[in-house]
Protein backbone atom coordinates (compact mmCIF):
# COMPACT_ATOMS: atom_id res chain seq x y z
CA MET A 1 0.08 -0.10 -0.20
CA HIS A 2 2.50 2.72 1.04
CA ARG A 3 4.45 1.73 -2.34
CA TYR A 4 1.65 3.16 -4.25
CA LYS A 5 0.70 6.28 -2.24
CA GLY A 6 4.47 7.22 -2.49
CA ARG A 7 4.23 7.03 -5.79
CA ILE A 8 0.72 9.30 -5.77
CA ALA A 9 2.77 11.93 -3.30
CA ALA A 10 5.47 12.12 -5.52
CA THR A 11 3.40 12.91 -8.85
CA ALA A 12 1.90 15.50 -6.63
CA LEU A 13 4.63 17.05 -5.34
CA THR A 14 6.16 16.86 -9.00
CA CYS A 15 3.79 19.76 -9.81
CA LEU A 16 5.14 21.94 -6.66
CA MET A 17 8.90 21.07 -7.45
CA THR A 18 8.73 22.24 -11.32
CA LEU A 19 6.47 25.58 -10.78
CA ALA A 20 8.10 26.59 -7.78
CA LEU A 21 11.15 27.01 -9.85
CA ALA A 22 9.43 28.74 -12.80
CA VAL A 23 8.42 32.03 -10.54
CA PRO A 24 11.30 34.66 -9.00
CA ALA A 25 11.63 33.54 -5.34
CA GLU A 26 10.04 36.89 -4.59
CA ALA A 27 6.76 36.48 -6.28
CA ARG A 28 6.67 32.81 -4.30
CA PHE A 29 6.93 33.90 -0.98
CA ARG A 30 5.21 37.32 -0.69
CA ALA A 31 2.10 38.16 1.32
CA PRO A 32 -0.98 36.47 -0.03
CA LEU A 33 -3.20 38.27 -2.28
CA ILE A 34 -6.62 36.71 -1.18
CA GLY A 35 -8.66 39.32 0.45
CA PRO A 36 -12.19 39.15 2.08
CA GLY A 37 -14.13 38.87 -1.39
CA LEU A 38 -14.56 35.48 -3.47
CA SER A 39 -12.94 36.54 -6.76
CA PRO A 40 -9.57 34.93 -7.49
CA VAL A 41 -6.76 36.80 -8.39
CA VAL A 42 -5.83 37.46 -11.73
CA ASN A 43 -2.75 38.55 -13.67
CA SER A 44 -0.75 36.71 -10.93
CA PRO A 45 3.13 35.83 -11.47
CA LEU A 46 2.43 32.68 -10.27
CA ASP A 47 -0.35 31.76 -12.31
CA GLN A 48 1.82 32.51 -15.42
CA ALA A 49 3.92 29.72 -14.43
CA VAL A 50 5.01 27.08 -16.83
CA THR A 51 6.69 23.86 -16.28
CA SER A 52 10.20 23.14 -16.98
CA ASP A 53 11.73 20.79 -19.11
CA GLU A 54 14.45 19.81 -16.60
CA SER A 55 14.18 16.87 -14.42
CA ILE A 56 12.12 17.45 -11.17
CA VAL A 57 14.72 16.23 -8.75
CA ASP A 58 17.63 18.57 -10.38
CA LEU A 59 15.13 21.52 -10.52
CA ALA A 60 13.86 20.82 -6.91
CA LEU A 61 17.88 20.41 -5.61
CA ALA A 62 18.46 23.74 -7.11
CA THR A 63 15.79 25.40 -5.18
CA PRO A 64 17.09 26.84 -1.65
CA SER A 65 13.54 27.38 -0.54
CA LEU A 66 12.42 24.16 -1.00
CA SER A 67 15.44 22.13 0.03
CA THR A 68 13.73 20.54 3.59
CA LEU A 69 11.22 19.75 1.23
CA VAL A 70 13.40 17.73 -1.01
CA ASP A 71 15.34 16.09 1.42
CA ALA A 72 11.85 14.70 2.63
CA VAL A 73 10.99 13.19 -0.47
CA LEU A 74 14.42 11.87 -1.12
CA LYS A 75 14.58 9.75 2.68
CA ALA A 76 10.70 8.74 2.01
CA GLY A 77 11.80 6.76 -1.39
CA LEU A 78 9.65 9.11 -3.34
CA ALA A 79 11.87 10.89 -5.82
CA GLU A 80 11.98 8.13 -8.70
CA THR A 81 8.22 8.67 -9.33
CA LEU A 82 8.45 12.99 -9.74
CA ASP A 83 8.10 12.61 -13.51
CA GLU A 84 4.84 10.91 -13.61
CA GLY A 85 1.76 12.28 -14.28
CA GLY A 86 -1.39 12.86 -12.04
CA ASP A 87 -4.37 15.29 -11.17
CA TRP A 88 -3.82 16.75 -7.63
CA THR A 89 -3.22 20.02 -5.21
CA VAL A 90 -0.33 19.85 -2.84
CA PHE A 91 -0.37 22.37 0.23
CA ALA A 92 3.37 22.65 0.24
CA PRO A 93 5.50 23.76 3.11
CA THR A 94 8.49 26.01 3.04
CA ASN A 95 11.94 25.24 4.84
CA ASP A 96 10.89 27.63 7.55
CA ALA A 97 7.67 25.69 7.94
CA PHE A 98 9.43 22.58 8.73
CA ALA A 99 11.87 24.53 11.00
CA ALA A 100 9.39 25.68 12.78
CA ALA A 101 7.42 22.24 13.11
CA GLY A 102 10.80 21.20 13.96
CA ILE A 103 11.02 18.30 11.47
CA ASP A 104 13.87 17.42 10.23
CA PRO A 105 13.91 14.63 7.38
CA ASP A 106 16.85 13.41 8.07
CA ALA A 107 15.50 12.65 12.05
CA VAL A 108 12.18 10.92 10.83
CA ASP A 109 11.90 7.36 9.87
CA GLU A 110 10.42 6.59 6.31
CA GLU A 111 7.23 5.49 6.96
CA THR A 112 6.34 8.66 9.34
CA LEU A 113 7.76 11.00 6.86
CA THR A 114 5.54 9.32 3.72
CA GLY A 115 2.48 9.79 6.30
CA VAL A 116 3.80 13.64 6.91
CA LEU A 117 4.02 14.16 2.66
CA LEU A 118 0.73 12.62 2.23
CA ASP A 119 -1.13 14.70 4.45
CA HIS A 120 0.04 17.90 2.05
CA VAL A 121 -1.38 16.05 -1.31
CA VAL A 122 -5.01 16.06 -2.44
CA TYR A 123 -7.09 13.95 -4.96
CA GLY A 124 -7.46 16.49 -7.91
CA ASP A 125 -6.45 19.77 -9.16
CA LEU A 126 -8.32 22.40 -6.56
CA SER A 127 -8.67 26.11 -7.89
CA GLU A 128 -8.11 28.66 -5.66
CA LEU A 129 -11.92 29.94 -6.42
CA TYR A 130 -12.70 26.28 -5.53
CA LEU A 131 -11.30 26.69 -2.46
CA ARG A 132 -12.29 30.20 -1.83
CA PHE A 133 -16.15 29.19 -2.42
CA GLU A 134 -15.99 25.72 -0.10
CA ALA A 135 -14.05 27.41 2.51
CA ARG A 136 -16.68 29.71 2.75
CA ALA A 137 -19.17 26.77 2.88
CA GLY A 138 -17.34 24.94 5.76
CA ASP A 139 -16.33 22.23 3.36
CA ARG A 140 -13.28 19.76 4.76
CA VAL A 141 -10.93 18.42 1.90
CA PRO A 142 -9.81 14.67 2.68
CA THR A 143 -5.97 14.42 1.76
CA VAL A 144 -4.51 11.17 0.05
CA GLY A 145 -3.03 10.40 3.86
CA GLY A 146 -6.46 10.53 5.49
CA LEU A 147 -6.00 14.05 7.08
CA ASP A 148 -9.03 16.22 6.81
CA LEU A 149 -8.35 19.76 5.60
CA SER A 150 -10.33 22.41 7.54
CA LEU A 151 -10.68 25.60 5.31
CA SER A 152 -11.27 29.07 6.24
CA ALA A 153 -10.87 32.07 3.85
CA ARG A 154 -10.14 35.24 5.56
CA PRO A 155 -7.25 34.77 5.06
CA LEU A 156 -7.16 31.49 3.06
CA THR A 157 -5.81 28.82 5.59
CA VAL A 158 -5.71 25.18 5.59
CA ASN A 159 -6.04 23.63 9.53
CA GLY A 160 -4.74 27.05 10.50
CA ILE A 161 -2.05 27.12 8.71
CA GLU A 162 -2.07 30.24 6.24
CA VAL A 163 -1.72 29.92 2.42
CA VAL A 164 1.32 32.03 1.41
CA SER A 165 1.16 32.03 -2.22
CA ASP A 166 -1.43 32.22 -5.45
CA ARG A 167 -2.26 28.94 -6.86
CA ILE A 168 0.59 27.40 -8.74
CA LYS A 169 -0.79 25.96 -11.80
CA ALA A 170 0.86 22.91 -13.48
CA SER A 171 -0.07 20.69 -16.32
CA ASN A 172 -1.34 17.66 -13.74
CA GLY A 173 -2.71 19.75 -10.86
CA SER A 174 -2.17 22.65 -8.57
CA VAL A 175 0.46 24.01 -5.83
CA PHE A 176 -0.50 26.05 -2.75
CA LEU A 177 2.50 27.22 -0.47
CA ILE A 178 2.05 27.08 3.09
CA ASP A 179 3.55 28.69 6.16
CA GLY A 180 3.35 25.51 8.47
CA VAL A 181 3.30 21.65 8.27
CA LEU A 182 -0.03 20.00 8.09
CA LEU A 183 -0.05 17.06 11.01
CA GLU A 184 -2.78 15.44 12.52
CA ASP A 185 -3.35 17.70 15.51
CA SER A 186 -2.62 20.92 13.26
CA ALA A 187 -6.32 21.96 13.14
CA PRO A 188 -7.13 24.55 15.79
CA THR A 189 -10.17 24.12 17.93
CA ILE A 190 -12.82 26.54 18.49
CA VAL A 191 -11.02 27.66 21.75
CA ASP A 192 -7.70 28.00 19.49
CA LEU A 193 -9.43 30.25 16.85
CA ALA A 194 -11.09 32.57 19.32
CA ILE A 195 -7.82 33.00 21.31
CA ALA A 196 -5.81 33.76 17.94
CA THR A 197 -8.83 36.50 17.11
CA PRO A 198 -8.24 40.11 18.61
CA ALA A 199 -11.88 40.79 18.32
CA LEU A 200 -13.14 37.86 20.18
CA SER A 201 -10.78 38.55 23.36
CA THR A 202 -13.81 39.39 25.68
CA LEU A 203 -15.52 35.80 24.80
CA VAL A 204 -12.47 34.48 25.65
CA THR A 205 -12.55 36.05 28.87
CA ALA A 206 -16.04 34.87 29.48
CA VAL A 207 -15.42 31.29 28.42
CA VAL A 208 -12.64 30.96 30.97
CA ASN A 209 -14.73 32.27 33.51
CA ALA A 210 -17.53 30.27 32.77
CA ASP A 211 -14.76 27.64 32.76
CA LEU A 212 -15.87 26.14 29.55
CA VAL A 213 -12.63 25.91 27.87
CA GLU A 214 -12.39 22.42 28.07
CA THR A 215 -15.65 21.68 26.92
CA LEU A 216 -15.04 23.46 23.60
CA SER A 217 -11.74 22.28 23.29
CA GLY A 218 -13.27 18.83 23.13
CA PRO A 219 -14.26 16.73 20.11
CA GLY A 220 -17.89 18.26 19.65
CA PRO A 221 -18.78 18.97 17.27
CA PHE A 222 -20.20 22.15 18.08
CA THR A 223 -21.01 25.28 16.27
CA VAL A 224 -20.60 28.94 17.68
CA PHE A 225 -22.04 32.09 17.36
CA ALA A 226 -19.18 34.11 18.62
CA PRO A 227 -19.72 37.93 19.64
CA THR A 228 -17.51 40.34 19.34
CA ASN A 229 -15.60 42.61 21.59
CA GLU A 230 -18.10 45.42 20.55
CA ALA A 231 -21.00 43.58 20.61
CA PHE A 232 -20.63 42.29 24.36
CA GLU A 233 -19.74 46.34 25.20
CA ASN A 234 -22.84 47.22 23.76
CA ALA A 235 -24.84 44.62 25.26
CA GLY A 236 -23.55 45.78 28.58
CA VAL A 237 -22.02 42.56 29.40
CA ASP A 238 -18.82 42.49 31.29
CA PRO A 239 -17.80 38.86 31.89
CA ASP A 240 -15.94 39.75 34.80
CA ASN A 241 -18.50 41.47 36.66
CA ILE A 242 -21.41 38.41 35.98
CA ASP A 243 -21.72 35.56 38.42
CA VAL A 244 -20.64 32.08 36.58
CA GLU A 245 -23.87 30.28 36.32
CA THR A 246 -25.49 33.48 34.42
CA LEU A 247 -22.41 33.62 32.61
CA THR A 248 -22.35 30.27 31.46
CA ALA A 249 -25.96 30.56 30.46
CA VAL A 250 -25.68 33.29 28.33
CA LEU A 251 -22.59 31.50 26.41
CA LEU A 252 -24.49 27.95 25.98
CA ASP A 253 -27.02 30.13 24.28
CA HIS A 254 -24.55 30.76 21.85
CA VAL A 255 -23.41 26.95 21.36
CA VAL A 256 -25.07 24.23 19.52
CA ALA A 257 -24.13 20.19 20.14
CA ALA A 258 -23.30 19.71 16.07
CA GLU A 259 -22.00 21.08 13.30
CA TYR A 260 -23.94 23.44 10.88
CA THR A 261 -22.43 25.10 7.71
CA SER A 262 -23.63 27.84 6.08
CA LYS A 263 -25.66 25.55 3.64
CA ASP A 264 -26.63 23.77 6.47
CA LEU A 265 -28.39 27.16 7.88
CA LEU A 266 -29.91 27.95 4.40
CA GLN A 267 -31.91 24.43 4.31
CA LEU A 268 -32.94 25.12 8.16
CA ASP A 269 -34.59 28.74 6.61
CA ILE A 270 -36.02 26.77 3.38
CA PHE A 271 -37.93 24.42 5.76
CA GLY A 272 -38.97 26.72 8.20
CA SER A 273 -36.89 24.88 10.85
CA GLU A 274 -35.02 25.84 14.12
CA LEU A 275 -32.13 24.82 16.21
CA GLN A 276 -31.94 24.81 19.58
CA ALA A 277 -29.06 25.98 21.60
CA LEU A 278 -27.11 24.18 24.75
CA GLY A 279 -28.42 26.65 27.00
CA GLY A 280 -32.37 25.95 25.36
CA LEU A 281 -32.56 29.16 23.37
CA GLU A 282 -34.47 28.39 19.84
CA LEU A 283 -32.33 29.91 16.83
CA ASP A 284 -34.01 30.90 13.89
CA PHE A 285 -32.08 31.64 10.72
CA ASN A 286 -32.83 34.28 7.66
CA ALA A 287 -30.15 33.20 5.16
CA ARG A 288 -31.40 35.87 2.75
CA ARG A 289 -30.44 38.15 5.39
CA ARG A 290 -27.54 36.05 7.22
CA GLN A 291 -28.98 36.28 10.36
CA VAL A 292 -29.49 34.34 13.53
CA ASN A 293 -32.47 35.60 15.59
CA GLY A 294 -32.18 38.88 13.66
CA ILE A 295 -28.36 39.32 14.56
CA LYS A 296 -26.08 39.63 11.89
CA LEU A 297 -23.47 36.74 10.74
CA VAL A 298 -20.54 39.14 10.09
CA ILE A 299 -18.21 35.82 9.06
CA ARG A 300 -19.43 32.83 8.49
CA ASP A 301 -17.95 29.29 8.41
CA ILE A 302 -14.65 29.37 10.39
CA THR A 303 -13.53 25.99 10.51
CA ALA A 304 -11.98 24.02 13.48
CA SER A 305 -10.90 21.03 14.34
CA ASN A 306 -14.23 20.50 16.38
CA GLY A 307 -16.58 22.02 14.72
CA VAL A 308 -17.66 25.52 12.83
CA VAL A 309 -17.81 29.47 14.15
CA PHE A 310 -19.90 32.12 13.15
CA VAL A 311 -18.98 35.66 14.36
CA ILE A 312 -21.76 37.79 15.19
CA ASP A 313 -22.42 41.56 15.91
CA ASP A 314 -24.56 41.02 19.16
CA ILE A 315 -25.35 38.75 22.05
CA LEU A 316 -28.21 36.00 22.20
CA PHE A 317 -30.56 36.47 24.68
CA GLU A 318 -33.73 34.81 25.32
């Protein structure tokens, strides 16, 4: 089985290594051009990349920014299949990404290394537009290695790791450079996402005070409607000045014990169905106005390892 998986991974990595060399280094590693909208970036140098006639291995060896990835491919015994065709999408960690993750290919056994590489390869050629639309819908994409990739569009991330290039198009697929290594535990939890979002710092304080950190870091899945700092302030809710019982009840009215994306909420709206939050509050959705109980869904479908987050601009009360 590993023999075939190795050939699949190496085939997908072919497009990465070829195209990474076909564009200037400064273009490959500039800040991402993906913004809050949904239209694809056009006329990017990366989109104009062409496949070189040179050997994949020779080209990769000549690219300093991919040297760790090259070492990993060679160590995993995948170099022989780098010239084969295919139709794949590769999320390619840079040298800095490997270093930050503490992964040295020379210090990792071949089986483990192969597994890591396979978790960066997806069946099919996924376009940037596809990723960004599906990210907004909260979809998850499985890799060849079996890892589920959670997508978020603001900015475009996979399992919380930022995509740092536009789509690099190859004859046999696409490549997106990323600034981290995708591991089984790399997808952030709902709590991780909240902590990493300054606009949700009051919510984080509330979750800590209500002793819900462990719960919302658990397997779930959950759907969380997360009020911004401004929402707490406008509602006159200060987590540090509310008793724990009341605070817990308020927070649980923002949590559903299941995972719902925008697509799911649209279906609820169409059929006139409601959801019940863990605190007992009935939640009614208006897909056209993008509202829950009349409150605007400011940001939708932020995917976490244990559910989905929607940012809202008010507090949900009984």
